[in-house]
Protein backbone atom coordinates (compact mmCIF):
# COMPACT_ATOMS: atom_id res chain seq x y z
CA UNK A 1 95.90 244.15 -181.23
CA UNK A 2 93.81 245.01 -178.19
CA UNK A 3 91.00 242.49 -177.62
CA UNK A 4 89.87 243.52 -174.17
CA UNK A 5 90.15 246.41 -171.81
CA UNK A 6 89.38 246.76 -168.13
CA UNK A 7 88.85 250.10 -166.43
CA UNK A 8 88.41 250.19 -162.67
CA UNK A 9 87.15 253.33 -160.94
CA UNK A 10 88.15 253.90 -158.21
CA UNK A 11 91.48 252.11 -158.60
CA UNK A 12 91.60 248.76 -156.83
CA UNK A 13 94.32 246.17 -156.54
CA UNK A 14 94.42 243.46 -159.21
CA UNK A 15 96.45 240.29 -159.60
CA UNK A 16 98.95 240.53 -162.44
CA UNK A 17 98.70 236.74 -162.80
CA UNK A 18 95.02 237.08 -163.77
CA UNK A 19 95.81 239.60 -166.48
CA UNK A 20 98.51 237.29 -167.87
CA UNK A 21 96.09 234.33 -167.76
CA UNK A 22 93.56 236.29 -169.78
CA UNK A 23 96.19 237.27 -172.36
CA UNK A 24 97.19 233.62 -172.75
CA UNK A 25 93.52 232.66 -173.21
CA UNK A 26 93.07 235.30 -175.94
CA UNK A 27 96.26 234.11 -177.65
CA UNK A 28 95.10 230.49 -177.53
CA UNK A 29 91.74 231.35 -179.05
CA UNK A 30 93.36 233.37 -181.86
CA UNK A 31 95.93 230.60 -182.49
CA UNK A 32 93.11 228.10 -183.08
CA UNK A 33 91.00 230.59 -185.12
CA UNK A 34 88.21 230.24 -182.57
CA UNK A 35 87.98 226.44 -182.99
CA UNK A 36 88.81 226.18 -179.29
CA UNK A 37 87.63 228.57 -176.61
CA UNK A 38 88.58 228.83 -172.97
CA UNK A 39 86.27 228.52 -169.96
CA UNK A 40 86.43 230.81 -166.94
CA UNK A 41 89.63 230.29 -164.98
CA UNK A 42 91.29 228.44 -167.88
CA UNK A 43 95.03 227.83 -167.65
CA UNK A 44 97.34 226.59 -170.41
CA UNK A 45 97.21 222.80 -170.83
CA UNK A 46 93.80 222.65 -169.14
CA UNK A 47 90.50 221.59 -170.70
CA UNK A 48 89.24 223.77 -173.55
CA UNK A 49 85.78 224.08 -175.03
CA UNK A 50 84.54 223.65 -178.59
CA UNK A 51 82.18 226.49 -179.54
CA UNK A 52 78.66 225.45 -180.48
CA UNK A 53 75.00 225.75 -179.66
CA UNK A 54 75.37 223.74 -176.45
């Protein structure tokens, strides 16, 4: 299932590590059914967020 897509025009260099980090964040959110979400720059085993009005 595709959850996100990035198109860059003109082509520019990107870090593969960042793409993998984003995939892991999407997988984590799906695994927890959205009960936990990931902040910007999140890495596995780092602090997560609980969704809410705050």
